[in-house]
Amino acid sequence: KATQDLIDTREQHDEFLKTKDQVAGLIVKGELDKAITLITNAVAPMPDDVAIVEKLKAEIGAQRHQLEVKVAFDKLLAEARKPGLAPEVALGPGGSLEQALKLFPDDAEALALKREFSRKLDTVKTQADYDKLLAQARDLNKAGKLDDAIKAVQQARDLIPAAPEANKMYDDLSVNQDKEVRQRMADQ
């Protein structure tokens, strides 16, 4: 009888080890509920191994939490990538990318997206500053402040050197300035 009990215990233990491998496979697949059910059923006939079951349940619970966080992260990243979503919305307080980075601050993909959005925001800001300077130059020119208008256009050219509008305006203002200087010299 003792030998049979030992054989039965050994068979139960071997079966438990096989189940443990199956549980690990389910965890990898993300099937955590099935893993918990399988491990619970496997140890039901082995009351002496309750501690092992509880430890495995805790490990499965931790895996579940990690998986849930990863799923939430993936959803937030997908939302941040939606076409038409303004970078300032994604990066702003409560924005999807900002929330994703709180979950995984060192994620390379999220950091790359943040850099891309930051560059877009910088470009938008640069364009807005450029447009403002050109408008200011037009207003200064209309007010007869040619030197100040040229300075404003030059600042716009410094922001976006290859911008044809600013370069043409600079050339036109410079020609007007030359005419003005010649006119003053002729009047003397």
N, C-alpha and C. Protein backbone atom coordinates (compact mmCIF):
# COMPACT_ATOMS: atom_id res chain seq x y z
N LYS A 1 0.82 -1.20 0.00
CA LYS A 1 0.00 0.00 0.00
C LYS A 1 0.86 1.26 0.00
N ALA A 2 1.89 1.30 0.82
CA ALA A 2 2.77 2.47 0.87
C ALA A 2 3.45 2.67 -0.47
N THR A 3 3.84 1.57 -1.11
CA THR A 3 4.48 1.66 -2.42
C THR A 3 3.50 2.21 -3.44
N GLN A 4 2.26 1.74 -3.39
CA GLN A 4 1.25 2.23 -4.34
C GLN A 4 0.98 3.72 -4.11
N ASP A 5 0.93 4.14 -2.84
CA ASP A 5 0.73 5.57 -2.53
C ASP A 5 1.89 6.39 -3.08
N LEU A 6 3.11 5.86 -2.94
CA LEU A 6 4.29 6.55 -3.45
C LEU A 6 4.23 6.65 -4.97
N ILE A 7 3.81 5.56 -5.63
CA ILE A 7 3.68 5.56 -7.11
C ILE A 7 2.60 6.55 -7.52
N ASP A 8 1.46 6.52 -6.80
CA ASP A 8 0.38 7.46 -7.13
C ASP A 8 0.83 8.91 -6.94
N THR A 9 1.54 9.19 -5.85
CA THR A 9 2.04 10.53 -5.58
C THR A 9 3.02 10.96 -6.68
N ARG A 10 3.88 10.03 -7.07
CA ARG A 10 4.86 10.33 -8.13
C ARG A 10 4.14 10.62 -9.45
N GLU A 11 3.15 9.84 -9.78
CA GLU A 11 2.38 10.06 -11.01
C GLU A 11 1.66 11.41 -10.96
N GLN A 12 1.10 11.73 -9.80
CA GLN A 12 0.43 13.02 -9.65
C GLN A 12 1.44 14.16 -9.83
N HIS A 13 2.61 13.99 -9.26
CA HIS A 13 3.66 15.00 -9.36
C HIS A 13 4.10 15.18 -10.82
N ASP A 14 4.30 14.05 -11.52
CA ASP A 14 4.70 14.13 -12.93
C ASP A 14 3.61 14.82 -13.76
N GLU A 15 2.36 14.47 -13.47
CA GLU A 15 1.24 15.08 -14.18
C GLU A 15 1.20 16.59 -13.88
N PHE A 16 1.47 16.93 -12.62
CA PHE A 16 1.50 18.33 -12.23
C PHE A 16 2.58 19.09 -13.00
N LEU A 17 3.75 18.48 -13.15
CA LEU A 17 4.84 19.14 -13.89
C LEU A 17 4.46 19.36 -15.36
N LYS A 18 3.79 18.37 -15.96
CA LYS A 18 3.32 18.54 -17.34
C LYS A 18 2.32 19.70 -17.40
N THR A 19 1.44 19.73 -16.42
CA THR A 19 0.43 20.80 -16.37
C THR A 19 1.11 22.15 -16.21
N LYS A 20 2.14 22.18 -15.39
CA LYS A 20 2.87 23.44 -15.18
C LYS A 20 3.45 23.94 -16.50
N ASP A 21 3.97 23.06 -17.33
CA ASP A 21 4.49 23.44 -18.66
C ASP A 21 3.36 23.96 -19.55
N GLN A 22 2.19 23.28 -19.46
CA GLN A 22 1.04 23.73 -20.25
C GLN A 22 0.59 25.12 -19.79
N VAL A 23 0.61 25.32 -18.47
CA VAL A 23 0.23 26.62 -17.91
C VAL A 23 1.19 27.70 -18.43
N ALA A 24 2.47 27.41 -18.44
CA ALA A 24 3.46 28.38 -18.93
C ALA A 24 3.16 28.72 -20.40
N GLY A 25 2.80 27.73 -21.19
CA GLY A 25 2.45 27.97 -22.59
C GLY A 25 1.22 28.86 -22.72
N LEU A 26 0.23 28.63 -21.87
CA LEU A 26 -0.98 29.46 -21.90
C LEU A 26 -0.67 30.90 -21.50
N ILE A 27 0.22 31.05 -20.53
CA ILE A 27 0.61 32.39 -20.10
C ILE A 27 1.26 33.14 -21.25
N VAL A 28 2.16 32.48 -21.95
CA VAL A 28 2.84 33.10 -23.09
C VAL A 28 1.82 33.54 -24.15
N LYS A 29 0.80 32.73 -24.36
CA LYS A 29 -0.23 33.05 -25.35
C LYS A 29 -1.19 34.13 -24.85
N GLY A 30 -1.10 34.45 -23.56
CA GLY A 30 -2.00 35.44 -22.99
C GLY A 30 -3.33 34.88 -22.54
N GLU A 31 -3.44 33.55 -22.48
CA GLU A 31 -4.69 32.90 -22.07
C GLU A 31 -4.64 32.64 -20.57
N LEU A 32 -4.71 33.70 -19.81
CA LEU A 32 -4.50 33.61 -18.37
C LEU A 32 -5.64 32.92 -17.63
N ASP A 33 -6.86 33.15 -18.06
CA ASP A 33 -7.99 32.48 -17.40
C ASP A 33 -7.88 30.96 -17.55
N LYS A 34 -7.52 30.51 -18.74
CA LYS A 34 -7.35 29.06 -18.96
C LYS A 34 -6.20 28.53 -18.11
N ALA A 35 -5.14 29.31 -17.97
CA ALA A 35 -4.00 28.89 -17.17
C ALA A 35 -4.40 28.69 -15.70
N ILE A 36 -5.17 29.64 -15.18
CA ILE A 36 -5.62 29.53 -13.78
C ILE A 36 -6.51 28.31 -13.60
N THR A 37 -7.44 28.11 -14.52
CA THR A 37 -8.34 26.95 -14.44
C THR A 37 -7.55 25.65 -14.49
N LEU A 38 -6.62 25.56 -15.41
CA LEU A 38 -5.83 24.34 -15.58
C LEU A 38 -5.02 24.04 -14.32
N ILE A 39 -4.37 25.02 -13.77
CA ILE A 39 -3.52 24.77 -12.58
C ILE A 39 -4.39 24.43 -11.37
N THR A 40 -5.55 25.08 -11.27
CA THR A 40 -6.45 24.79 -10.15
C THR A 40 -6.95 23.35 -10.23
N ASN A 41 -7.35 22.92 -11.43
CA ASN A 41 -7.82 21.54 -11.60
C ASN A 41 -6.70 20.52 -11.41
N ALA A 42 -5.51 20.88 -11.78
CA ALA A 42 -4.39 19.95 -11.68
C ALA A 42 -4.01 19.65 -10.23
N VAL A 43 -4.16 20.62 -9.37
CA VAL A 43 -3.74 20.41 -7.98
C VAL A 43 -4.89 20.02 -7.07
N ALA A 44 -6.09 20.00 -7.59
CA ALA A 44 -7.24 19.62 -6.75
C ALA A 44 -7.03 18.28 -6.06
N PRO A 45 -6.50 17.25 -6.77
CA PRO A 45 -6.29 15.97 -6.08
C PRO A 45 -5.03 15.96 -5.21
N MET A 46 -4.28 17.06 -5.18
CA MET A 46 -3.02 17.10 -4.42
C MET A 46 -3.08 18.19 -3.37
N PRO A 47 -3.80 18.00 -2.30
CA PRO A 47 -3.99 19.05 -1.31
C PRO A 47 -2.69 19.50 -0.65
N ASP A 48 -1.66 18.66 -0.69
CA ASP A 48 -0.39 19.04 -0.07
C ASP A 48 0.32 20.15 -0.83
N ASP A 49 -0.05 20.40 -2.08
CA ASP A 49 0.66 21.36 -2.91
C ASP A 49 -0.11 22.67 -3.07
N VAL A 50 -0.92 23.02 -2.09
CA VAL A 50 -1.71 24.25 -2.15
C VAL A 50 -0.79 25.47 -2.25
N ALA A 51 0.32 25.45 -1.56
CA ALA A 51 1.26 26.57 -1.60
C ALA A 51 1.77 26.79 -3.02
N ILE A 52 2.05 25.69 -3.70
CA ILE A 52 2.52 25.80 -5.09
C ILE A 52 1.43 26.41 -5.96
N VAL A 53 0.20 25.97 -5.76
CA VAL A 53 -0.92 26.50 -6.53
C VAL A 53 -1.06 28.00 -6.30
N GLU A 54 -1.01 28.41 -5.06
CA GLU A 54 -1.17 29.83 -4.73
C GLU A 54 -0.03 30.65 -5.34
N LYS A 55 1.17 30.11 -5.30
CA LYS A 55 2.32 30.80 -5.91
C LYS A 55 2.11 30.94 -7.41
N LEU A 56 1.66 29.86 -8.05
CA LEU A 56 1.42 29.92 -9.49
C LEU A 56 0.29 30.89 -9.84
N LYS A 57 -0.75 30.91 -9.00
CA LYS A 57 -1.85 31.84 -9.24
C LYS A 57 -1.33 33.29 -9.13
N ALA A 58 -0.47 33.53 -8.16
CA ALA A 58 0.10 34.87 -8.01
C ALA A 58 0.94 35.24 -9.24
N GLU A 59 1.74 34.29 -9.73
CA GLU A 59 2.54 34.54 -10.94
C GLU A 59 1.64 34.80 -12.13
N ILE A 60 0.57 34.03 -12.24
CA ILE A 60 -0.37 34.22 -13.35
C ILE A 60 -1.04 35.59 -13.22
N GLY A 61 -1.39 35.97 -11.99
CA GLY A 61 -1.99 37.29 -11.77
C GLY A 61 -1.05 38.41 -12.19
N ALA A 62 0.22 38.26 -11.85
CA ALA A 62 1.22 39.26 -12.25
C ALA A 62 1.34 39.31 -13.77
N GLN A 63 1.35 38.13 -14.40
CA GLN A 63 1.41 38.07 -15.87
C GLN A 63 0.18 38.75 -16.47
N ARG A 64 -0.98 38.50 -15.87
CA ARG A 64 -2.22 39.10 -16.36
C ARG A 64 -2.11 40.63 -16.30
N HIS A 65 -1.62 41.13 -15.18
CA HIS A 65 -1.48 42.58 -15.03
C HIS A 65 -0.54 43.14 -16.10
N GLN A 66 0.59 42.49 -16.30
CA GLN A 66 1.53 42.95 -17.32
C GLN A 66 0.90 42.93 -18.70
N LEU A 67 0.14 41.89 -18.98
CA LEU A 67 -0.53 41.77 -20.27
C LEU A 67 -1.57 42.88 -20.43
N GLU A 68 -2.34 43.15 -19.39
CA GLU A 68 -3.35 44.20 -19.45
C GLU A 68 -2.71 45.57 -19.67
N VAL A 69 -1.58 45.81 -19.01
CA VAL A 69 -0.87 47.08 -19.20
C VAL A 69 -0.36 47.18 -20.64
N LYS A 70 0.17 46.09 -21.16
CA LYS A 70 0.67 46.09 -22.54
C LYS A 70 -0.46 46.33 -23.54
N VAL A 71 -1.61 45.70 -23.31
CA VAL A 71 -2.76 45.91 -24.19
C VAL A 71 -3.19 47.38 -24.14
N ALA A 72 -3.25 47.94 -22.94
CA ALA A 72 -3.62 49.36 -22.80
C ALA A 72 -2.61 50.25 -23.52
N PHE A 73 -1.33 49.93 -23.37
CA PHE A 73 -0.26 50.68 -24.04
C PHE A 73 -0.43 50.62 -25.55
N ASP A 74 -0.67 49.41 -26.07
CA ASP A 74 -0.83 49.25 -27.52
C ASP A 74 -2.03 50.05 -28.04
N LYS A 75 -3.12 50.07 -27.28
CA LYS A 75 -4.30 50.84 -27.68
C LYS A 75 -3.99 52.33 -27.69
N LEU A 76 -3.29 52.79 -26.68
CA LEU A 76 -2.94 54.22 -26.61
C LEU A 76 -2.01 54.61 -27.76
N LEU A 77 -1.06 53.75 -28.07
CA LEU A 77 -0.14 54.03 -29.17
C LEU A 77 -0.88 54.04 -30.50
N ALA A 78 -1.81 53.11 -30.68
CA ALA A 78 -2.61 53.08 -31.91
C ALA A 78 -3.45 54.35 -32.03
N GLU A 79 -3.99 54.79 -30.92
CA GLU A 79 -4.79 56.02 -30.93
C GLU A 79 -3.92 57.23 -31.28
N ALA A 80 -2.71 57.25 -30.76
CA ALA A 80 -1.79 58.37 -31.05
C ALA A 80 -1.42 58.41 -32.53
N ARG A 81 -1.44 57.25 -33.17
CA ARG A 81 -1.07 57.18 -34.59
C ARG A 81 -2.23 57.46 -35.54
N LYS A 82 -3.42 57.64 -35.01
CA LYS A 82 -4.59 57.85 -35.88
C LYS A 82 -4.34 59.04 -36.79
N PRO A 83 -4.62 58.85 -38.08
CA PRO A 83 -4.45 59.97 -39.01
C PRO A 83 -5.34 61.14 -38.60
N GLY A 84 -4.80 62.31 -38.71
CA GLY A 84 -5.55 63.51 -38.39
C GLY A 84 -5.49 63.94 -36.95
N LEU A 85 -4.93 63.10 -36.07
CA LEU A 85 -4.81 63.49 -34.66
C LEU A 85 -3.68 64.51 -34.55
N ALA A 86 -3.98 65.65 -34.01
CA ALA A 86 -2.99 66.71 -33.89
C ALA A 86 -1.91 66.29 -32.88
N PRO A 87 -0.65 66.52 -33.23
CA PRO A 87 0.45 66.14 -32.32
C PRO A 87 0.31 66.76 -30.93
N GLU A 88 -0.18 67.99 -30.87
CA GLU A 88 -0.31 68.63 -29.55
C GLU A 88 -1.37 67.94 -28.71
N VAL A 89 -2.34 67.30 -29.34
CA VAL A 89 -3.37 66.55 -28.61
C VAL A 89 -2.76 65.25 -28.07
N ALA A 90 -2.03 64.54 -28.92
CA ALA A 90 -1.41 63.27 -28.52
C ALA A 90 -0.38 63.48 -27.41
N LEU A 91 0.38 64.58 -27.51
CA LEU A 91 1.45 64.83 -26.55
C LEU A 91 0.98 65.60 -25.31
N GLY A 92 -0.15 66.24 -25.42
CA GLY A 92 -0.62 67.09 -24.34
C GLY A 92 -1.05 66.32 -23.11
N PRO A 93 -1.38 67.04 -22.05
CA PRO A 93 -1.83 66.39 -20.82
C PRO A 93 -3.05 65.50 -21.09
N GLY A 94 -2.96 64.27 -20.69
CA GLY A 94 -4.05 63.33 -20.92
C GLY A 94 -4.09 62.77 -22.33
N GLY A 95 -3.15 63.19 -23.17
CA GLY A 95 -3.10 62.69 -24.54
C GLY A 95 -2.68 61.23 -24.59
N SER A 96 -3.05 60.57 -25.66
CA SER A 96 -2.80 59.13 -25.75
C SER A 96 -1.31 58.79 -25.71
N LEU A 97 -0.49 59.54 -26.39
CA LEU A 97 0.95 59.24 -26.38
C LEU A 97 1.55 59.56 -25.01
N GLU A 98 1.10 60.63 -24.42
CA GLU A 98 1.59 60.99 -23.08
C GLU A 98 1.23 59.89 -22.08
N GLN A 99 0.01 59.34 -22.17
CA GLN A 99 -0.40 58.26 -21.28
C GLN A 99 0.39 56.98 -21.55
N ALA A 100 0.63 56.69 -22.83
CA ALA A 100 1.40 55.49 -23.19
C ALA A 100 2.81 55.57 -22.62
N LEU A 101 3.41 56.75 -22.69
CA LEU A 101 4.76 56.91 -22.15
C LEU A 101 4.81 56.81 -20.63
N LYS A 102 3.69 57.10 -19.97
CA LYS A 102 3.64 56.90 -18.52
C LYS A 102 3.69 55.40 -18.20
N LEU A 103 3.08 54.58 -19.07
CA LEU A 103 3.09 53.13 -18.85
C LEU A 103 4.45 52.53 -19.15
N PHE A 104 5.04 52.93 -20.28
CA PHE A 104 6.34 52.41 -20.71
C PHE A 104 7.22 53.58 -21.15
N PRO A 105 7.86 54.27 -20.20
CA PRO A 105 8.62 55.48 -20.51
C PRO A 105 9.83 55.25 -21.43
N ASP A 106 10.32 54.03 -21.49
CA ASP A 106 11.51 53.76 -22.30
C ASP A 106 11.20 53.03 -23.60
N ASP A 107 9.93 52.92 -23.96
CA ASP A 107 9.57 52.20 -25.18
C ASP A 107 10.10 52.96 -26.40
N ALA A 108 10.91 52.28 -27.20
CA ALA A 108 11.57 52.92 -28.34
C ALA A 108 10.56 53.44 -29.36
N GLU A 109 9.52 52.68 -29.63
CA GLU A 109 8.53 53.10 -30.62
C GLU A 109 7.77 54.35 -30.15
N ALA A 110 7.39 54.37 -28.89
CA ALA A 110 6.67 55.53 -28.35
C ALA A 110 7.58 56.75 -28.31
N LEU A 111 8.84 56.55 -27.95
CA LEU A 111 9.78 57.68 -27.92
C LEU A 111 10.03 58.22 -29.33
N ALA A 112 10.11 57.34 -30.32
CA ALA A 112 10.30 57.78 -31.71
C ALA A 112 9.09 58.58 -32.17
N LEU A 113 7.90 58.14 -31.80
CA LEU A 113 6.68 58.86 -32.17
C LEU A 113 6.65 60.23 -31.47
N LYS A 114 7.11 60.27 -30.24
CA LYS A 114 7.17 61.55 -29.52
C LYS A 114 8.13 62.50 -30.22
N ARG A 115 9.29 62.00 -30.64
CA ARG A 115 10.24 62.86 -31.36
C ARG A 115 9.63 63.36 -32.67
N GLU A 116 8.95 62.47 -33.38
CA GLU A 116 8.31 62.86 -34.65
C GLU A 116 7.27 63.95 -34.40
N PHE A 117 6.42 63.76 -33.38
CA PHE A 117 5.40 64.75 -33.07
C PHE A 117 6.03 66.07 -32.62
N SER A 118 7.11 65.99 -31.85
CA SER A 118 7.79 67.20 -31.40
C SER A 118 8.34 67.98 -32.59
N ARG A 119 8.91 67.25 -33.56
CA ARG A 119 9.41 67.92 -34.77
C ARG A 119 8.27 68.58 -35.53
N LYS A 120 7.13 67.89 -35.62
CA LYS A 120 5.96 68.48 -36.30
C LYS A 120 5.51 69.75 -35.58
N LEU A 121 5.48 69.70 -34.27
CA LEU A 121 5.08 70.89 -33.51
C LEU A 121 6.07 72.03 -33.71
N ASP A 122 7.36 71.69 -33.74
CA ASP A 122 8.38 72.72 -33.99
C ASP A 122 8.20 73.33 -35.37
N THR A 123 7.88 72.49 -36.36
CA THR A 123 7.67 72.97 -37.73
C THR A 123 6.45 73.89 -37.78
N VAL A 124 5.38 73.49 -37.11
CA VAL A 124 4.18 74.32 -37.08
C VAL A 124 4.47 75.65 -36.41
N LYS A 125 5.21 75.61 -35.31
CA LYS A 125 5.57 76.84 -34.60
C LYS A 125 6.45 77.71 -35.48
N THR A 126 7.42 77.11 -36.14
CA THR A 126 8.30 77.86 -37.03
C THR A 126 7.49 78.52 -38.14
N GLN A 127 6.57 77.78 -38.74
CA GLN A 127 5.74 78.33 -39.82
C GLN A 127 4.88 79.48 -39.29
N ALA A 128 4.33 79.31 -38.10
CA ALA A 128 3.50 80.37 -37.52
C ALA A 128 4.34 81.62 -37.26
N ASP A 129 5.54 81.43 -36.72
CA ASP A 129 6.43 82.57 -36.48
C ASP A 129 6.82 83.24 -37.79
N TYR A 130 7.09 82.44 -38.81
CA TYR A 130 7.46 82.94 -40.14
C TYR A 130 6.30 83.79 -40.69
N ASP A 131 5.09 83.24 -40.65
CA ASP A 131 3.92 83.96 -41.16
C ASP A 131 3.71 85.28 -40.42
N LYS A 132 3.90 85.25 -39.11
CA LYS A 132 3.75 86.45 -38.29
C LYS A 132 4.78 87.52 -38.68
N LEU A 133 6.01 87.09 -38.91
CA LEU A 133 7.06 88.04 -39.29
C LEU A 133 6.79 88.66 -40.66
N LEU A 134 6.30 87.87 -41.60
CA LEU A 134 5.98 88.42 -42.93
C LEU A 134 4.83 89.42 -42.83
N ALA A 135 3.82 89.11 -42.04
CA ALA A 135 2.69 90.04 -41.85
C ALA A 135 3.19 91.33 -41.20
N GLN A 136 4.07 91.18 -40.25
CA GLN A 136 4.66 92.35 -39.57
C GLN A 136 5.45 93.18 -40.58
N ALA A 137 6.21 92.52 -41.45
CA ALA A 137 7.00 93.24 -42.46
C ALA A 137 6.08 94.02 -43.40
N ARG A 138 4.98 93.40 -43.81
CA ARG A 138 4.02 94.09 -44.69
C ARG A 138 3.46 95.34 -43.99
N ASP A 139 3.08 95.17 -42.72
CA ASP A 139 2.52 96.30 -41.97
C ASP A 139 3.55 97.42 -41.80
N LEU A 140 4.79 97.04 -41.50
CA LEU A 140 5.85 98.04 -41.34
C LEU A 140 6.12 98.76 -42.66
N ASN A 141 6.10 98.03 -43.75
CA ASN A 141 6.33 98.63 -45.06
C ASN A 141 5.21 99.63 -45.38
N LYS A 142 3.96 99.23 -45.11
CA LYS A 142 2.83 100.14 -45.35
C LYS A 142 2.94 101.39 -44.48
N ALA A 143 3.51 101.24 -43.28
CA ALA A 143 3.66 102.37 -42.36
C ALA A 143 4.88 103.22 -42.71
N GLY A 144 5.59 102.82 -43.76
CA GLY A 144 6.75 103.59 -44.19
C GLY A 144 8.02 103.29 -43.39
N LYS A 145 8.02 102.24 -42.64
CA LYS A 145 9.20 101.87 -41.84
C LYS A 145 9.95 100.77 -42.58
N LEU A 146 10.61 101.17 -43.66
CA LEU A 146 11.26 100.23 -44.56
C LEU A 146 12.38 99.45 -43.89
N ASP A 147 13.22 100.12 -43.10
CA ASP A 147 14.33 99.43 -42.43
C ASP A 147 13.81 98.34 -41.48
N ASP A 148 12.77 98.67 -40.73
CA ASP A 148 12.19 97.69 -39.80
C ASP A 148 11.52 96.53 -40.57
N ALA A 149 10.90 96.87 -41.70
CA ALA A 149 10.27 95.84 -42.53
C ALA A 149 11.33 94.87 -43.05
N ILE A 150 12.45 95.41 -43.48
CA ILE A 150 13.55 94.55 -43.98
C ILE A 150 14.07 93.66 -42.86
N LYS A 151 14.19 94.19 -41.65
CA LYS A 151 14.65 93.38 -40.52
C LYS A 151 13.68 92.23 -40.23
N ALA A 152 12.38 92.53 -40.29
CA ALA A 152 11.37 91.49 -40.03
C ALA A 152 11.43 90.40 -41.10
N VAL A 153 11.59 90.81 -42.37
CA VAL A 153 11.69 89.82 -43.45
C VAL A 153 12.96 89.00 -43.28
N GLN A 154 14.04 89.63 -42.88
CA GLN A 154 15.29 88.88 -42.68
C GLN A 154 15.13 87.84 -41.57
N GLN A 155 14.41 88.19 -40.51
CA GLN A 155 14.15 87.22 -39.44
C GLN A 155 13.32 86.05 -39.97
N ALA A 156 12.36 86.34 -40.83
CA ALA A 156 11.56 85.27 -41.44
C ALA A 156 12.46 84.38 -42.30
N ARG A 157 13.36 84.99 -43.05
CA ARG A 157 14.29 84.22 -43.89
C ARG A 157 15.22 83.37 -43.03
N ASP A 158 15.57 83.87 -41.85
CA ASP A 158 16.42 83.09 -40.95
C ASP A 158 15.68 81.83 -40.46
N LEU A 159 14.36 81.96 -40.29
CA LEU A 159 13.57 80.80 -39.85
C LEU A 159 13.43 79.76 -40.95
N ILE A 160 13.10 80.24 -42.16
CA ILE A 160 12.90 79.35 -43.31
C ILE A 160 13.68 79.94 -44.49
N PRO A 161 14.97 79.61 -44.57
CA PRO A 161 15.84 80.24 -45.57
C PRO A 161 15.41 80.04 -47.03
N ALA A 162 14.80 78.93 -47.34
CA ALA A 162 14.47 78.66 -48.74
C ALA A 162 13.06 79.12 -49.11
N ALA A 163 12.43 79.90 -48.26
CA ALA A 163 11.05 80.33 -48.53
C ALA A 163 11.04 81.40 -49.63
N PRO A 164 10.44 81.09 -50.77
CA PRO A 164 10.45 82.03 -51.89
C PRO A 164 9.73 83.35 -51.58
N GLU A 165 8.64 83.28 -50.82
CA GLU A 165 7.89 84.51 -50.52
C GLU A 165 8.74 85.52 -49.75
N ALA A 166 9.44 85.03 -48.72
CA ALA A 166 10.28 85.94 -47.93
C ALA A 166 11.45 86.45 -48.75
N ASN A 167 12.03 85.59 -49.56
CA ASN A 167 13.16 86.03 -50.39
C ASN A 167 12.71 87.09 -51.41
N LYS A 168 11.54 86.89 -52.01
CA LYS A 168 11.03 87.88 -52.98
C LYS A 168 10.72 89.19 -52.26
N MET A 169 10.08 89.10 -51.09
CA MET A 169 9.75 90.31 -50.34
C MET A 169 11.02 91.05 -49.94
N TYR A 170 12.03 90.29 -49.53
CA TYR A 170 13.31 90.91 -49.15
C TYR A 170 13.92 91.65 -50.34
N ASP A 171 13.92 90.98 -51.50
CA ASP A 171 14.45 91.61 -52.71
C ASP A 171 13.67 92.87 -53.06
N ASP A 172 12.34 92.80 -53.01
CA ASP A 172 11.50 93.96 -53.33
C ASP A 172 11.74 95.10 -52.35
N LEU A 173 11.81 94.79 -51.07
CA LEU A 173 12.05 95.84 -50.06
C LEU A 173 13.45 96.44 -50.21
N SER A 174 14.41 95.59 -50.55
CA SER A 174 15.78 96.09 -50.75
C SER A 174 15.84 97.03 -51.94
N VAL A 175 15.12 96.70 -53.01
CA VAL A 175 15.05 97.58 -54.19
C VAL A 175 14.40 98.91 -53.80
N ASN A 176 13.30 98.81 -53.03
CA ASN A 176 12.63 100.05 -52.58
C ASN A 176 13.55 100.88 -51.69
N GLN A 177 14.31 100.18 -50.84
CA GLN A 177 15.24 100.89 -49.96
C GLN A 177 16.31 101.58 -50.79
N ASP A 178 16.83 100.90 -51.80
CA ASP A 178 17.85 101.51 -52.68
C ASP A 178 17.26 102.74 -53.38
N LYS A 179 16.03 102.62 -53.87
CA LYS A 179 15.38 103.76 -54.53
C LYS A 179 15.23 104.92 -53.55
N GLU A 180 14.83 104.60 -52.34
CA GLU A 180 14.64 105.62 -51.32
C GLU A 180 15.96 106.34 -51.00
N VAL A 181 17.02 105.56 -50.89
CA VAL A 181 18.35 106.14 -50.61
C VAL A 181 18.77 107.04 -51.77
N ARG A 182 18.58 106.56 -53.00
CA ARG A 182 18.95 107.37 -54.17
C ARG A 182 18.12 108.64 -54.24
N GLN A 183 16.85 108.52 -53.89
CA GLN A 183 15.96 109.70 -53.91
C GLN A 183 16.45 110.72 -52.89
N ARG A 184 16.82 110.25 -51.68
CA ARG A 184 17.32 111.18 -50.65
C ARG A 184 18.60 111.86 -51.10
N MET A 185 19.46 111.10 -51.76
CA MET A 185 20.74 111.65 -52.23
C MET A 185 20.48 112.67 -53.35
N ALA A 186 19.51 112.39 -54.19
CA ALA A 186 19.19 113.31 -55.29
C ALA A 186 18.55 114.58 -54.75
N ASP A 187 17.78 114.44 -53.67
CA ASP A 187 17.13 115.62 -53.08
C ASP A 187 18.10 116.53 -52.35
N GLN A 188 19.27 116.05 -52.02
CA GLN A 188 20.24 116.88 -51.26
C GLN A 188 20.95 117.80 -52.15
